[in-house]
Amino acid sequence: MAGTPPRTDSETIAVYTRSADAYAKGFAEITDVDQAADLSAFLGPIPDGGLVLDLGCGPGQWAAAIRDQGYVVEATDATTAMAELAAQRFGIDVRVEPFDALSAVARYDGVWANFSLLHAPRAAFPGHLARVHRALKPGGMFHIGMKLGTDEGRDHLGRFYAYYEEDELKTLLSQAGFTTTRTRRGHGKGLAGTDDTFAILTAHA
């Protein structure tokens, strides 16, 4: 169908395939108290032993951190090289699949999407949020990290990004049935080396 966003962006996946090892070495650690607080805000309401999905897990550091705090973790990523790293580094079994493969209904106590859904086109984003909401049990927790800005396009490495303002994200979450309970802004450098402003939002279904 004309105008339908692709399920995955091949150029973005190619960048992560080439850079998987460098990405894992540079960003596969929980490096500051703000990140630890983000994780605590997400996990706090989830019952002990609850089931959590890491949606777009990359090299698996967050899935491992969640598992190591006593939760059951499932993980997905669209890049085979990242899935292989997660298995090698952390023993995480990752399903290689696009975001729109998520079809679960009321399965998860939490969904963690840390700087993964920002690679989805704007036209596809509401559908992804709806799938996440459907996959959560009533009251289930959702964590999402996104870079702030407007419009969409590629960085100098060739990765596709969609950017949103913080209020816009809150509105989209509300329209998908979520209640936002916590927000945090920050700045940091990623694989591309640019200093980006981002927002972390915690919400419940």
N, C-alpha and C. Protein backbone atom coordinates (compact mmCIF):
# COMPACT_ATOMS: atom_id res chain seq x y z
N MET A 1 0.85 -1.20 0.00
CA MET A 1 0.00 0.00 0.00
C MET A 1 0.88 1.24 0.00
N ALA A 2 0.62 2.15 -0.90
CA ALA A 2 1.42 3.36 -1.00
C ALA A 2 1.33 4.16 0.29
N GLY A 3 2.48 4.67 0.74
CA GLY A 3 2.50 5.50 1.93
C GLY A 3 2.63 4.73 3.23
N THR A 4 2.60 3.41 3.19
CA THR A 4 2.73 2.63 4.40
C THR A 4 4.20 2.59 4.82
N PRO A 5 4.51 2.95 6.08
CA PRO A 5 5.91 2.93 6.52
C PRO A 5 6.48 1.52 6.46
N PRO A 6 7.78 1.37 6.16
CA PRO A 6 8.39 0.04 6.15
C PRO A 6 8.42 -0.55 7.55
N ARG A 7 8.42 -1.87 7.63
CA ARG A 7 8.45 -2.54 8.93
C ARG A 7 9.77 -2.27 9.64
N THR A 8 10.85 -2.23 8.90
CA THR A 8 12.16 -1.88 9.43
C THR A 8 12.88 -1.03 8.40
N ASP A 9 13.85 -0.26 8.87
CA ASP A 9 14.64 0.57 7.97
C ASP A 9 15.98 -0.12 7.75
N SER A 10 16.22 -0.56 6.52
CA SER A 10 17.41 -1.38 6.24
C SER A 10 18.70 -0.61 6.48
N GLU A 11 18.68 0.68 6.22
CA GLU A 11 19.91 1.46 6.42
C GLU A 11 20.25 1.59 7.90
N THR A 12 19.23 1.79 8.73
CA THR A 12 19.45 1.85 10.18
C THR A 12 19.99 0.52 10.69
N ILE A 13 19.39 -0.57 10.24
CA ILE A 13 19.85 -1.89 10.67
C ILE A 13 21.29 -2.14 10.21
N ALA A 14 21.62 -1.69 9.02
CA ALA A 14 22.98 -1.86 8.51
C ALA A 14 23.99 -1.12 9.38
N VAL A 15 23.64 0.09 9.82
CA VAL A 15 24.55 0.85 10.70
C VAL A 15 24.77 0.10 12.00
N TYR A 16 23.68 -0.40 12.61
CA TYR A 16 23.83 -1.11 13.87
C TYR A 16 24.56 -2.45 13.68
N THR A 17 24.40 -3.06 12.55
CA THR A 17 25.13 -4.30 12.28
C THR A 17 26.63 -4.03 12.21
N ARG A 18 27.01 -2.98 11.52
CA ARG A 18 28.43 -2.63 11.41
C ARG A 18 29.01 -2.16 12.74
N SER A 19 28.18 -1.52 13.55
CA SER A 19 28.68 -0.86 14.76
C SER A 19 28.32 -1.60 16.04
N ALA A 20 27.83 -2.82 15.93
CA ALA A 20 27.31 -3.53 17.11
C ALA A 20 28.34 -3.62 18.22
N ASP A 21 29.55 -4.03 17.90
CA ASP A 21 30.57 -4.19 18.93
C ASP A 21 30.93 -2.85 19.58
N ALA A 22 31.12 -1.83 18.75
CA ALA A 22 31.46 -0.50 19.28
C ALA A 22 30.33 0.04 20.13
N TYR A 23 29.10 -0.18 19.69
CA TYR A 23 27.94 0.30 20.45
C TYR A 23 27.89 -0.40 21.81
N ALA A 24 28.07 -1.71 21.81
CA ALA A 24 28.02 -2.46 23.06
C ALA A 24 29.10 -2.01 24.03
N LYS A 25 30.30 -1.78 23.52
CA LYS A 25 31.41 -1.36 24.39
C LYS A 25 31.20 0.04 24.93
N GLY A 26 30.54 0.90 24.15
CA GLY A 26 30.37 2.28 24.57
C GLY A 26 29.13 2.56 25.38
N PHE A 27 28.08 1.73 25.19
CA PHE A 27 26.79 2.10 25.77
C PHE A 27 26.09 0.95 26.50
N ALA A 28 26.81 -0.12 26.77
CA ALA A 28 26.18 -1.28 27.41
C ALA A 28 26.40 -1.29 28.92
N GLU A 29 26.38 -0.10 29.52
CA GLU A 29 26.51 0.01 30.97
C GLU A 29 25.48 1.01 31.49
N ILE A 30 25.03 0.79 32.73
CA ILE A 30 24.22 1.80 33.42
C ILE A 30 25.21 2.73 34.09
N THR A 31 25.32 3.94 33.58
CA THR A 31 26.48 4.76 33.92
C THR A 31 26.23 5.85 34.95
N ASP A 32 24.99 6.16 35.30
CA ASP A 32 24.79 7.26 36.25
C ASP A 32 23.53 7.05 37.09
N VAL A 33 23.39 7.89 38.11
CA VAL A 33 22.28 7.74 39.05
C VAL A 33 20.95 8.03 38.38
N ASP A 34 20.94 8.88 37.36
CA ASP A 34 19.69 9.18 36.67
C ASP A 34 19.17 7.94 35.95
N GLN A 35 20.05 7.20 35.30
CA GLN A 35 19.64 5.97 34.63
C GLN A 35 19.12 4.95 35.64
N ALA A 36 19.80 4.83 36.79
CA ALA A 36 19.34 3.91 37.82
C ALA A 36 17.98 4.32 38.34
N ALA A 37 17.75 5.64 38.46
CA ALA A 37 16.45 6.13 38.92
C ALA A 37 15.36 5.85 37.89
N ASP A 38 15.70 5.95 36.60
CA ASP A 38 14.73 5.61 35.55
C ASP A 38 14.28 4.16 35.69
N LEU A 39 15.25 3.28 35.90
CA LEU A 39 14.93 1.86 36.04
C LEU A 39 14.09 1.61 37.28
N SER A 40 14.42 2.26 38.38
CA SER A 40 13.66 2.07 39.62
C SER A 40 12.23 2.57 39.48
N ALA A 41 12.05 3.71 38.80
CA ALA A 41 10.70 4.24 38.61
C ALA A 41 9.85 3.29 37.78
N PHE A 42 10.46 2.64 36.83
CA PHE A 42 9.76 1.68 35.98
C PHE A 42 9.44 0.39 36.73
N LEU A 43 10.43 -0.15 37.43
CA LEU A 43 10.26 -1.45 38.08
C LEU A 43 9.48 -1.38 39.38
N GLY A 44 9.48 -0.21 40.04
CA GLY A 44 8.87 -0.10 41.36
C GLY A 44 7.46 -0.66 41.46
N PRO A 45 6.55 -0.31 40.54
CA PRO A 45 5.18 -0.81 40.63
C PRO A 45 4.99 -2.24 40.12
N ILE A 46 6.01 -2.84 39.51
CA ILE A 46 5.87 -4.18 38.92
C ILE A 46 6.06 -5.23 40.00
N PRO A 47 5.19 -6.21 40.10
CA PRO A 47 5.32 -7.22 41.15
C PRO A 47 6.60 -8.04 41.00
N ASP A 48 7.12 -8.53 42.11
CA ASP A 48 8.30 -9.38 42.08
C ASP A 48 8.06 -10.56 41.13
N GLY A 49 9.04 -10.83 40.28
CA GLY A 49 8.90 -11.92 39.33
C GLY A 49 8.04 -11.61 38.14
N GLY A 50 7.64 -10.34 37.98
CA GLY A 50 6.79 -9.95 36.87
C GLY A 50 7.49 -10.12 35.53
N LEU A 51 6.69 -10.17 34.47
CA LEU A 51 7.19 -10.38 33.12
C LEU A 51 7.37 -9.03 32.42
N VAL A 52 8.58 -8.77 31.93
CA VAL A 52 8.92 -7.50 31.30
C VAL A 52 9.45 -7.77 29.89
N LEU A 53 9.00 -6.96 28.94
CA LEU A 53 9.51 -7.00 27.57
C LEU A 53 10.46 -5.83 27.36
N ASP A 54 11.68 -6.13 26.91
CA ASP A 54 12.60 -5.10 26.46
C ASP A 54 12.43 -5.01 24.94
N LEU A 55 11.76 -3.96 24.51
CA LEU A 55 11.39 -3.79 23.10
C LEU A 55 12.47 -2.99 22.39
N GLY A 56 13.29 -3.68 21.58
CA GLY A 56 14.43 -3.03 20.95
C GLY A 56 15.60 -3.00 21.91
N CYS A 57 16.06 -4.17 22.31
CA CYS A 57 16.98 -4.30 23.44
C CYS A 57 18.42 -3.98 23.12
N GLY A 58 18.79 -3.83 21.83
CA GLY A 58 20.18 -3.58 21.51
C GLY A 58 21.07 -4.71 22.03
N PRO A 59 22.22 -4.37 22.62
CA PRO A 59 23.13 -5.42 23.09
C PRO A 59 22.73 -6.05 24.41
N GLY A 60 21.58 -5.67 24.96
CA GLY A 60 20.99 -6.42 26.06
C GLY A 60 21.29 -5.97 27.46
N GLN A 61 21.93 -4.81 27.63
CA GLN A 61 22.33 -4.41 28.98
C GLN A 61 21.13 -4.14 29.89
N TRP A 62 20.07 -3.55 29.34
CA TRP A 62 18.90 -3.25 30.18
C TRP A 62 18.11 -4.51 30.47
N ALA A 63 17.98 -5.38 29.50
CA ALA A 63 17.30 -6.65 29.75
C ALA A 63 18.01 -7.42 30.86
N ALA A 64 19.34 -7.41 30.83
CA ALA A 64 20.11 -8.10 31.87
C ALA A 64 19.91 -7.44 33.23
N ALA A 65 19.90 -6.11 33.26
CA ALA A 65 19.71 -5.41 34.53
C ALA A 65 18.34 -5.71 35.13
N ILE A 66 17.33 -5.76 34.28
CA ILE A 66 15.97 -6.07 34.75
C ILE A 66 15.91 -7.52 35.26
N ARG A 67 16.48 -8.42 34.50
CA ARG A 67 16.53 -9.83 34.92
C ARG A 67 17.25 -9.98 36.25
N ASP A 68 18.36 -9.27 36.40
CA ASP A 68 19.18 -9.43 37.59
C ASP A 68 18.51 -8.87 38.84
N GLN A 69 17.46 -8.08 38.66
CA GLN A 69 16.69 -7.60 39.81
C GLN A 69 15.50 -8.50 40.12
N GLY A 70 15.44 -9.66 39.47
CA GLY A 70 14.47 -10.66 39.85
C GLY A 70 13.23 -10.74 38.99
N TYR A 71 13.27 -10.12 37.82
CA TYR A 71 12.11 -10.14 36.93
C TYR A 71 12.36 -11.12 35.78
N VAL A 72 11.28 -11.58 35.19
CA VAL A 72 11.38 -12.44 34.01
C VAL A 72 11.39 -11.53 32.78
N VAL A 73 12.34 -11.75 31.88
CA VAL A 73 12.53 -10.82 30.76
C VAL A 73 12.39 -11.55 29.43
N GLU A 74 11.64 -10.93 28.52
CA GLU A 74 11.67 -11.26 27.11
C GLU A 74 12.29 -10.06 26.39
N ALA A 75 12.95 -10.30 25.27
CA ALA A 75 13.63 -9.22 24.56
C ALA A 75 13.48 -9.39 23.06
N THR A 76 13.36 -8.26 22.38
CA THR A 76 13.31 -8.25 20.92
C THR A 76 14.25 -7.18 20.38
N ASP A 77 14.71 -7.39 19.16
CA ASP A 77 15.48 -6.37 18.44
C ASP A 77 15.41 -6.71 16.96
N ALA A 78 15.52 -5.69 16.12
CA ALA A 78 15.43 -5.91 14.68
C ALA A 78 16.77 -6.27 14.05
N THR A 79 17.86 -6.15 14.83
CA THR A 79 19.20 -6.36 14.30
C THR A 79 19.78 -7.66 14.83
N THR A 80 20.07 -8.59 13.94
CA THR A 80 20.59 -9.90 14.35
C THR A 80 21.90 -9.76 15.11
N ALA A 81 22.77 -8.85 14.69
CA ALA A 81 24.06 -8.68 15.36
C ALA A 81 23.87 -8.25 16.81
N MET A 82 22.88 -7.41 17.09
CA MET A 82 22.61 -7.01 18.47
C MET A 82 22.07 -8.19 19.28
N ALA A 83 21.19 -8.97 18.68
CA ALA A 83 20.66 -10.14 19.36
C ALA A 83 21.78 -11.11 19.73
N GLU A 84 22.72 -11.29 18.83
CA GLU A 84 23.84 -12.18 19.10
C GLU A 84 24.72 -11.64 20.24
N LEU A 85 24.92 -10.34 20.28
CA LEU A 85 25.69 -9.75 21.37
C LEU A 85 24.99 -9.93 22.70
N ALA A 86 23.68 -9.73 22.72
CA ALA A 86 22.93 -9.89 23.97
C ALA A 86 23.05 -11.32 24.49
N ALA A 87 23.05 -12.28 23.59
CA ALA A 87 23.21 -13.67 23.99
C ALA A 87 24.63 -13.93 24.52
N GLN A 88 25.62 -13.39 23.82
CA GLN A 88 27.02 -13.63 24.20
C GLN A 88 27.38 -12.94 25.51
N ARG A 89 26.95 -11.69 25.67
CA ARG A 89 27.38 -10.89 26.82
C ARG A 89 26.56 -11.18 28.07
N PHE A 90 25.28 -11.45 27.87
CA PHE A 90 24.39 -11.51 29.03
C PHE A 90 23.53 -12.77 29.10
N GLY A 91 23.64 -13.65 28.11
CA GLY A 91 22.80 -14.83 28.11
C GLY A 91 21.33 -14.53 27.87
N ILE A 92 21.06 -13.43 27.17
CA ILE A 92 19.68 -13.02 26.87
C ILE A 92 19.27 -13.61 25.52
N ASP A 93 18.14 -14.30 25.50
CA ASP A 93 17.60 -14.87 24.26
C ASP A 93 16.70 -13.82 23.62
N VAL A 94 17.09 -13.32 22.47
CA VAL A 94 16.39 -12.20 21.82
C VAL A 94 15.65 -12.68 20.58
N ARG A 95 14.39 -12.30 20.46
CA ARG A 95 13.64 -12.54 19.22
C ARG A 95 14.00 -11.43 18.23
N VAL A 96 14.45 -11.81 17.05
CA VAL A 96 14.78 -10.82 16.02
C VAL A 96 13.51 -10.54 15.23
N GLU A 97 12.95 -9.35 15.44
CA GLU A 97 11.68 -9.01 14.82
C GLU A 97 11.47 -7.50 14.87
N PRO A 98 10.63 -6.96 13.98
CA PRO A 98 10.31 -5.52 14.00
C PRO A 98 9.32 -5.19 15.10
N PHE A 99 9.15 -3.91 15.37
CA PHE A 99 8.24 -3.47 16.42
C PHE A 99 6.82 -3.98 16.19
N ASP A 100 6.38 -3.98 14.93
CA ASP A 100 4.98 -4.31 14.68
C ASP A 100 4.70 -5.81 14.75
N ALA A 101 5.71 -6.60 15.10
CA ALA A 101 5.47 -8.02 15.36
C ALA A 101 4.86 -8.25 16.73
N LEU A 102 4.85 -7.22 17.57
CA LEU A 102 4.29 -7.35 18.91
C LEU A 102 2.78 -7.56 18.81
N SER A 103 2.32 -8.74 19.19
CA SER A 103 0.91 -9.09 19.06
C SER A 103 0.31 -9.58 20.37
N ALA A 104 1.06 -9.55 21.45
CA ALA A 104 0.58 -10.06 22.73
C ALA A 104 -0.59 -9.22 23.24
N VAL A 105 -1.43 -9.85 24.01
CA VAL A 105 -2.57 -9.17 24.63
C VAL A 105 -2.51 -9.42 26.14
N ALA A 106 -2.40 -8.33 26.92
CA ALA A 106 -2.41 -8.40 28.39
C ALA A 106 -1.41 -9.44 28.91
N ARG A 107 -0.22 -9.44 28.31
CA ARG A 107 0.80 -10.44 28.68
C ARG A 107 1.83 -9.89 29.67
N TYR A 108 2.23 -8.64 29.50
CA TYR A 108 3.39 -8.13 30.21
C TYR A 108 3.01 -7.22 31.38
N ASP A 109 3.84 -7.30 32.43
CA ASP A 109 3.71 -6.36 33.55
C ASP A 109 4.43 -5.06 33.25
N GLY A 110 5.35 -5.07 32.30
CA GLY A 110 6.06 -3.87 31.91
C GLY A 110 6.66 -4.02 30.53
N VAL A 111 6.75 -2.91 29.82
CA VAL A 111 7.45 -2.85 28.53
C VAL A 111 8.47 -1.73 28.61
N TRP A 112 9.72 -2.06 28.32
CA TRP A 112 10.84 -1.12 28.37
C TRP A 112 11.28 -0.84 26.94
N ALA A 113 11.15 0.41 26.50
CA ALA A 113 11.53 0.80 25.14
C ALA A 113 12.49 1.98 25.24
N ASN A 114 13.74 1.68 25.51
CA ASN A 114 14.74 2.70 25.81
C ASN A 114 15.49 3.10 24.54
N PHE A 115 15.09 4.23 23.96
CA PHE A 115 15.71 4.75 22.74
C PHE A 115 15.68 3.72 21.61
N SER A 116 14.53 3.09 21.45
CA SER A 116 14.34 2.16 20.34
C SER A 116 13.24 2.65 19.41
N LEU A 117 12.10 3.04 19.95
CA LEU A 117 10.99 3.48 19.11
C LEU A 117 11.26 4.78 18.37
N LEU A 118 12.35 5.47 18.72
CA LEU A 118 12.70 6.69 17.97
C LEU A 118 13.14 6.37 16.55
N HIS A 119 13.37 5.09 16.25
CA HIS A 119 13.71 4.71 14.88
C HIS A 119 12.48 4.40 14.04
N ALA A 120 11.30 4.48 14.62
CA ALA A 120 10.06 4.24 13.88
C ALA A 120 9.58 5.53 13.21
N PRO A 121 9.07 5.45 11.99
CA PRO A 121 8.52 6.66 11.34
C PRO A 121 7.37 7.23 12.16
N ARG A 122 7.19 8.53 12.06
CA ARG A 122 6.10 9.19 12.78
C ARG A 122 4.75 8.55 12.45
N ALA A 123 4.55 8.19 11.19
CA ALA A 123 3.26 7.63 10.77
C ALA A 123 2.98 6.30 11.46
N ALA A 124 4.03 5.59 11.86
CA ALA A 124 3.85 4.28 12.49
C ALA A 124 3.80 4.35 14.01
N PHE A 125 4.22 5.46 14.58
CA PHE A 125 4.40 5.55 16.03
C PHE A 125 3.11 5.31 16.82
N PRO A 126 1.98 5.93 16.47
CA PRO A 126 0.76 5.66 17.24
C PRO A 126 0.37 4.19 17.25
N GLY A 127 0.59 3.50 16.13
CA GLY A 127 0.29 2.08 16.08
C GLY A 127 1.17 1.27 17.01
N HIS A 128 2.44 1.65 17.10
CA HIS A 128 3.34 0.96 18.02
C HIS A 128 2.91 1.19 19.47
N LEU A 129 2.55 2.41 19.80
CA LEU A 129 2.08 2.68 21.17
C LEU A 129 0.82 1.87 21.48
N ALA A 130 -0.07 1.77 20.51
CA ALA A 130 -1.29 0.98 20.71
C ALA A 130 -0.96 -0.49 20.95
N ARG A 131 0.01 -1.02 20.21
CA ARG A 131 0.41 -2.41 20.41
C ARG A 131 1.02 -2.62 21.79
N VAL A 132 1.84 -1.67 22.23
CA VAL A 132 2.42 -1.78 23.57
C VAL A 132 1.33 -1.76 24.63
N HIS A 133 0.38 -0.85 24.48
CA HIS A 133 -0.72 -0.75 25.46
C HIS A 133 -1.50 -2.06 25.50
N ARG A 134 -1.78 -2.61 24.35
CA ARG A 134 -2.54 -3.87 24.27
C ARG A 134 -1.75 -5.02 24.90
N ALA A 135 -0.44 -4.99 24.76
CA ALA A 135 0.40 -6.07 25.28
C ALA A 135 0.54 -6.04 26.80
N LEU A 136 0.26 -4.89 27.40
CA LEU A 136 0.40 -4.74 28.85
C LEU A 136 -0.84 -5.21 29.59
N LYS A 137 -0.61 -5.78 30.76
CA LYS A 137 -1.73 -6.03 31.67
C LYS A 137 -2.28 -4.70 32.15
N PRO A 138 -3.54 -4.64 32.61
CA PRO A 138 -4.07 -3.39 33.16
C PRO A 138 -3.15 -2.84 34.25
N GLY A 139 -2.80 -1.58 34.11
CA GLY A 139 -1.89 -0.96 35.07
C GLY A 139 -0.43 -1.23 34.82
N GLY A 140 -0.11 -2.00 33.76
CA GLY A 140 1.27 -2.33 33.45
C GLY A 140 2.10 -1.10 33.13
N MET A 141 3.40 -1.19 33.37
CA MET A 141 4.29 -0.04 33.26
C MET A 141 4.95 0.04 31.88
N PHE A 142 5.18 1.28 31.44
CA PHE A 142 5.83 1.53 30.15
C PHE A 142 6.91 2.57 30.36
N HIS A 143 8.11 2.26 29.88
CA HIS A 143 9.24 3.19 29.88
C HIS A 143 9.61 3.47 28.43
N ILE A 144 9.76 4.75 28.09
CA ILE A 144 10.16 5.10 26.74
C ILE A 144 11.17 6.24 26.80
N GLY A 145 12.26 6.09 26.05
CA GLY A 145 13.26 7.13 25.90
C GLY A 145 13.28 7.59 24.46
N MET A 146 13.24 8.92 24.26
CA MET A 146 13.18 9.48 22.90
C MET A 146 14.03 10.75 22.84
N LYS A 147 14.65 10.99 21.69
CA LYS A 147 15.34 12.25 21.46
C LYS A 147 14.31 13.33 21.14
N LEU A 148 14.57 14.54 21.62
CA LEU A 148 13.62 15.63 21.44
C LEU A 148 13.94 16.44 20.18
N GLY A 149 12.87 16.95 19.57
CA GLY A 149 13.01 17.75 18.37
C GLY A 149 11.72 17.70 17.58
N THR A 150 11.83 17.97 16.30
CA THR A 150 10.67 17.93 15.41
C THR A 150 11.06 17.20 14.13
N ASP A 151 10.03 16.73 13.43
CA ASP A 151 10.22 16.13 12.11
C ASP A 151 10.93 14.77 12.23
N GLU A 152 11.48 14.29 11.13
CA GLU A 152 12.17 13.01 11.08
C GLU A 152 13.22 13.07 9.98
N GLY A 153 14.20 12.19 10.07
CA GLY A 153 15.27 12.18 9.07
C GLY A 153 16.42 11.32 9.55
N ARG A 154 17.55 11.40 8.83
CA ARG A 154 18.70 10.56 9.13
C ARG A 154 19.82 11.36 9.79
N ASP A 155 20.53 10.68 10.71
CA ASP A 155 21.74 11.29 11.26
C ASP A 155 22.89 11.07 10.28
N HIS A 156 24.08 11.57 10.64
CA HIS A 156 25.18 11.50 9.67
C HIS A 156 25.69 10.07 9.48
N LEU A 157 25.28 9.15 10.36
CA LEU A 157 25.64 7.74 10.18
C LEU A 157 24.67 7.02 9.25
N GLY A 158 23.52 7.65 8.98
CA GLY A 158 22.52 7.04 8.12
C GLY A 158 21.34 6.44 8.85
N ARG A 159 21.32 6.54 10.19
CA ARG A 159 20.19 5.99 10.94
C ARG A 159 18.97 6.90 10.83
N PHE A 160 17.79 6.29 10.70
CA PHE A 160 16.54 7.03 10.63
C PHE A 160 16.05 7.35 12.05
N TYR A 161 15.62 8.59 12.25
CA TYR A 161 15.07 9.02 13.53
C TYR A 161 13.78 9.80 13.33
N ALA A 162 12.87 9.66 14.26
CA ALA A 162 11.72 10.55 14.37
C ALA A 162 11.83 11.28 15.71
N TYR A 163 11.64 12.58 15.68
CA TYR A 163 11.83 13.42 16.86
C TYR A 163 10.49 14.00 17.30
N TYR A 164 10.34 14.21 18.61
CA TYR A 164 9.11 14.73 19.19
C TYR A 164 9.45 15.71 20.30
N GLU A 165 8.54 16.64 20.53
CA GLU A 165 8.63 17.47 21.72
C GLU A 165 8.04 16.70 22.91
N GLU A 166 8.44 17.06 24.11
CA GLU A 166 8.00 16.32 25.30
C GLU A 166 6.48 16.34 25.44
N ASP A 167 5.85 17.50 25.27
CA ASP A 167 4.39 17.57 25.39
C ASP A 167 3.70 16.73 24.32
N GLU A 168 4.29 16.69 23.14
CA GLU A 168 3.73 15.87 22.06
C GLU A 168 3.76 14.39 22.44
N LEU A 169 4.86 13.96 23.04
CA LEU A 169 4.95 12.58 23.49
C LEU A 169 3.89 12.26 24.54
N LYS A 170 3.70 13.17 25.48
CA LYS A 170 2.69 12.96 26.51
C LYS A 170 1.30 12.85 25.89
N THR A 171 1.03 13.68 24.89
CA THR A 171 -0.26 13.63 24.22
C THR A 171 -0.45 12.30 23.50
N LEU A 172 0.56 11.87 22.80
CA LEU A 172 0.47 10.60 22.07
C LEU A 172 0.30 9.43 23.03
N LEU A 173 0.99 9.46 24.16
CA LEU A 173 0.82 8.42 25.16
C LEU A 173 -0.61 8.42 25.70
N SER A 174 -1.13 9.60 25.98
CA SER A 174 -2.50 9.70 26.48
C SER A 174 -3.50 9.17 25.47
N GLN A 175 -3.30 9.52 24.21
CA GLN A 175 -4.20 9.05 23.16
C GLN A 175 -4.16 7.53 23.02
N ALA A 176 -3.04 6.92 23.39
CA ALA A 176 -2.91 5.46 23.32
C ALA A 176 -3.44 4.78 24.58
N GLY A 177 -3.87 5.57 25.56
CA GLY A 177 -4.45 5.00 26.77
C GLY A 177 -3.53 4.99 27.98
N PHE A 178 -2.37 5.64 27.87
CA PHE A 178 -1.41 5.67 28.97
C PHE A 178 -1.60 6.89 29.87
N THR A 179 -1.19 6.74 31.13
CA THR A 179 -1.09 7.85 32.06
C THR A 179 0.38 8.05 32.39
N THR A 180 0.93 9.20 32.04
CA THR A 180 2.34 9.48 32.31
C THR A 180 2.52 9.84 33.77
N THR A 181 3.46 9.19 34.44
CA THR A 181 3.68 9.40 35.87
C THR A 181 5.01 10.07 36.18
N ARG A 182 5.94 10.07 35.22
CA ARG A 182 7.27 10.64 35.49
C ARG A 182 7.92 11.02 34.18
N THR A 183 8.61 12.16 34.18
CA THR A 183 9.39 12.56 33.01
C THR A 183 10.75 13.07 33.49
N ARG A 184 11.73 12.88 32.65
CA ARG A 184 13.07 13.42 32.92
C ARG A 184 13.70 13.84 31.60
N ARG A 185 14.30 15.02 31.60
CA ARG A 185 15.08 15.45 30.44
C ARG A 185 16.56 15.27 30.73
N GLY A 186 17.31 15.03 29.69
CA GLY A 186 18.75 14.92 29.84
C GLY A 186 19.46 15.23 28.54
N HIS A 187 20.77 15.21 28.60
CA HIS A 187 21.61 15.46 27.43
C HIS A 187 22.69 14.39 27.39
N GLY A 188 23.04 13.95 26.22
CA GLY A 188 24.09 12.95 26.13
C GLY A 188 24.54 12.72 24.71
N LYS A 189 25.69 12.06 24.59
CA LYS A 189 26.25 11.70 23.29
C LYS A 189 26.08 10.22 23.06
N GLY A 190 25.60 9.88 21.87
CA GLY A 190 25.45 8.49 21.49
C GLY A 190 26.48 8.08 20.46
N LEU A 191 26.13 7.08 19.69
CA LEU A 191 27.05 6.53 18.69
C LEU A 191 27.51 7.57 17.68
N ALA A 192 26.64 8.50 17.33
CA ALA A 192 26.97 9.51 16.32
C ALA A 192 27.87 10.61 16.86
N GLY A 193 28.01 10.70 18.19
CA GLY A 193 28.88 11.70 18.78
C GLY A 193 28.27 13.08 18.95
N THR A 194 26.99 13.23 18.59
CA THR A 194 26.33 14.52 18.75
C THR A 194 25.74 14.63 20.15
N ASP A 195 25.66 15.86 20.65
CA ASP A 195 25.08 16.09 21.98
C ASP A 195 23.59 16.32 21.81
N ASP A 196 22.79 15.35 22.22
CA ASP A 196 21.35 15.38 21.97
C ASP A 196 20.57 15.56 23.27
N THR A 197 19.46 16.26 23.17
CA THR A 197 18.53 16.38 24.29
C THR A 197 17.50 15.27 24.18
N PHE A 198 17.21 14.62 25.28
CA PHE A 198 16.27 13.50 25.25
C PHE A 198 15.29 13.61 26.40
N ALA A 199 14.23 12.82 26.32
CA ALA A 199 13.26 12.72 27.39
C ALA A 199 13.02 11.25 27.72
N ILE A 200 12.94 10.98 29.01
CA ILE A 200 12.56 9.67 29.52
C ILE A 200 11.16 9.82 30.13
N LEU A 201 10.23 9.00 29.70
CA LEU A 201 8.88 9.05 30.24
C LEU A 201 8.50 7.68 30.80
N THR A 202 7.91 7.69 31.99
CA THR A 202 7.38 6.49 32.62
C THR A 202 5.87 6.65 32.66
N ALA A 203 5.14 5.62 32.26
CA ALA A 203 3.68 5.70 32.20
C ALA A 203 3.09 4.34 32.58
N HIS A 204 1.80 4.32 32.84
CA HIS A 204 1.13 3.03 33.06
C HIS A 204 -0.11 2.91 32.19
N ALA A 205 -0.45 1.68 31.87
CA ALA A 205 -1.62 1.41 31.03
C ALA A 205 -2.90 1.62 31.82
